[in-house]
Amino acid sequence: MDGAKRSNIKPGSHVSIVLKQDQRSGKRTEGIVKDILTKSSTHPHGIKVRLESGAVGRVKEVFR
């Protein structure tokens, strides 16, 4: 699923994110969403989340 829509993401969702320092390379990090940090319903670069590991980044893909 698309990571640009806030409605697709809930705490506990398994997602892949791009960390700020990995934006140039596009390297992705997988994890479980702890907090949703973006307040708007959509964002062109992906909704910003904090994973349970503490990593913060923008969601590129939501796994079922």
C-alpha atoms as a PDB file:
ATOM      1  CA  MET A   1       0.000   0.000   0.000  1.00  0.00           C
ATOM      2  CA  ASP A   2       0.936   3.606  -0.505  1.00  0.00           C
ATOM      3  CA  GLY A   3       2.781   5.370   2.314  1.00  0.00           C
ATOM      4  CA  ALA A   4       1.605   8.853   1.248  1.00  0.00           C
ATOM      5  CA  LYS A   5      -1.872   8.433   2.815  1.00  0.00           C
ATOM      6  CA  ARG A   6      -2.181   8.681   6.600  1.00  0.00           C
ATOM      7  CA  SER A   7      -5.316   6.491   6.560  1.00  0.00           C
ATOM      8  CA  ASN A   8      -3.206   3.500   5.365  1.00  0.00           C
ATOM      9  CA  ILE A   9      -0.928   3.660   8.423  1.00  0.00           C
ATOM     10  CA  LYS A  10      -1.773   2.743  12.014  1.00  0.00           C
ATOM     11  CA  PRO A  11       0.368   2.111  15.107  1.00  0.00           C
ATOM     12  CA  GLY A  12       1.423  -1.529  14.868  1.00  0.00           C
ATOM     13  CA  SER A  13       1.594  -1.509  11.037  1.00  0.00           C
ATOM     14  CA  HIS A  14       4.597  -3.200   9.387  1.00  0.00           C
ATOM     15  CA  VAL A  15       6.178  -0.613   7.059  1.00  0.00           C
ATOM     16  CA  SER A  16       9.325   0.253   5.154  1.00  0.00           C
ATOM     17  CA  ILE A  17      10.661   3.795   5.628  1.00  0.00           C
ATOM     18  CA  VAL A  18      13.470   5.952   4.274  1.00  0.00           C
ATOM     19  CA  LEU A  19      15.506   7.646   6.998  1.00  0.00           C
ATOM     20  CA  LYS A  20      16.608  11.286   6.512  1.00  0.00           C
ATOM     21  CA  GLN A  21      20.248  10.281   6.041  1.00  0.00           C
ATOM     22  CA  ASP A  22      19.258   7.617   3.478  1.00  0.00           C
ATOM     23  CA  GLN A  23      17.149   9.871   1.238  1.00  0.00           C
ATOM     24  CA  ARG A  24      19.865  10.178  -1.434  1.00  0.00           C
ATOM     25  CA  SER A  25      20.520   6.432  -1.642  1.00  0.00           C
ATOM     26  CA  GLY A  26      16.883   5.410  -1.119  1.00  0.00           C
ATOM     27  CA  LYS A  27      17.930   2.699   1.378  1.00  0.00           C
ATOM     28  CA  ARG A  28      14.886   1.423   3.246  1.00  0.00           C
ATOM     29  CA  THR A  29      14.441   0.352   6.843  1.00  0.00           C
ATOM     30  CA  GLU A  30      11.633  -1.978   7.921  1.00  0.00           C
ATOM     31  CA  GLY A  31       9.846  -1.937  11.241  1.00  0.00           C
ATOM     32  CA  ILE A  32       6.657  -1.578  13.233  1.00  0.00           C
ATOM     33  CA  VAL A  33       5.029   1.879  13.575  1.00  0.00           C
ATOM     34  CA  LYS A  34       5.018   3.284  17.107  1.00  0.00           C
ATOM     35  CA  ASP A  35       3.878   6.892  16.419  1.00  0.00           C
ATOM     36  CA  ILE A  36       2.565   8.787  13.378  1.00  0.00           C
ATOM     37  CA  LEU A  37       4.289  12.181  13.270  1.00  0.00           C
ATOM     38  CA  THR A  38       2.648  13.802  10.199  1.00  0.00           C
ATOM     39  CA  LYS A  39      -0.633  15.515  11.071  1.00  0.00           C
ATOM     40  CA  SER A  40      -1.974  16.021   7.517  1.00  0.00           C
ATOM     41  CA  SER A  41      -3.960  13.279   5.752  1.00  0.00           C
ATOM     42  CA  THR A  42      -1.464  13.004   2.870  1.00  0.00           C
ATOM     43  CA  HIS A  43       2.132  13.952   2.103  1.00  0.00           C
ATOM     44  CA  PRO A  44       3.799  13.682  -1.332  1.00  0.00           C
ATOM     45  CA  HIS A  45       7.023  12.185   0.094  1.00  0.00           C
ATOM     46  CA  GLY A  46       5.332   9.830   2.556  1.00  0.00           C
ATOM     47  CA  ILE A  47       3.890  10.098   6.046  1.00  0.00           C
ATOM     48  CA  LYS A  48       6.558  10.579   8.721  1.00  0.00           C
ATOM     49  CA  VAL A  49       6.532   7.937  11.469  1.00  0.00           C
ATOM     50  CA  ARG A  50       8.585   6.743  14.431  1.00  0.00           C
ATOM     51  CA  LEU A  51       9.248   3.003  14.530  1.00  0.00           C
ATOM     52  CA  GLU A  52       9.383   0.921  17.728  1.00  0.00           C
ATOM     53  CA  SER A  53      13.182   0.881  17.241  1.00  0.00           C
ATOM     54  CA  GLY A  54      13.194   4.690  17.552  1.00  0.00           C
ATOM     55  CA  ALA A  55      14.029   5.302  13.865  1.00  0.00           C
ATOM     56  CA  VAL A  56      12.169   8.228  12.246  1.00  0.00           C
ATOM     57  CA  GLY A  57      11.482   8.425   8.531  1.00  0.00           C
ATOM     58  CA  ARG A  58       8.930   8.677   5.745  1.00  0.00           C
ATOM     59  CA  VAL A  59       6.825   5.629   4.837  1.00  0.00           C
ATOM     60  CA  LYS A  60       7.404   4.288   1.321  1.00  0.00           C
ATOM     61  CA  GLU A  61       5.447   1.030   1.625  1.00  0.00           C
ATOM     62  CA  VAL A  62       2.905  -0.473   4.005  1.00  0.00           C
ATOM     63  CA  PHE A  63       2.871  -4.284   4.262  1.00  0.00           C
ATOM     64  CA  ARG A  64      -0.304  -6.237   5.012  1.00  0.00           C
END
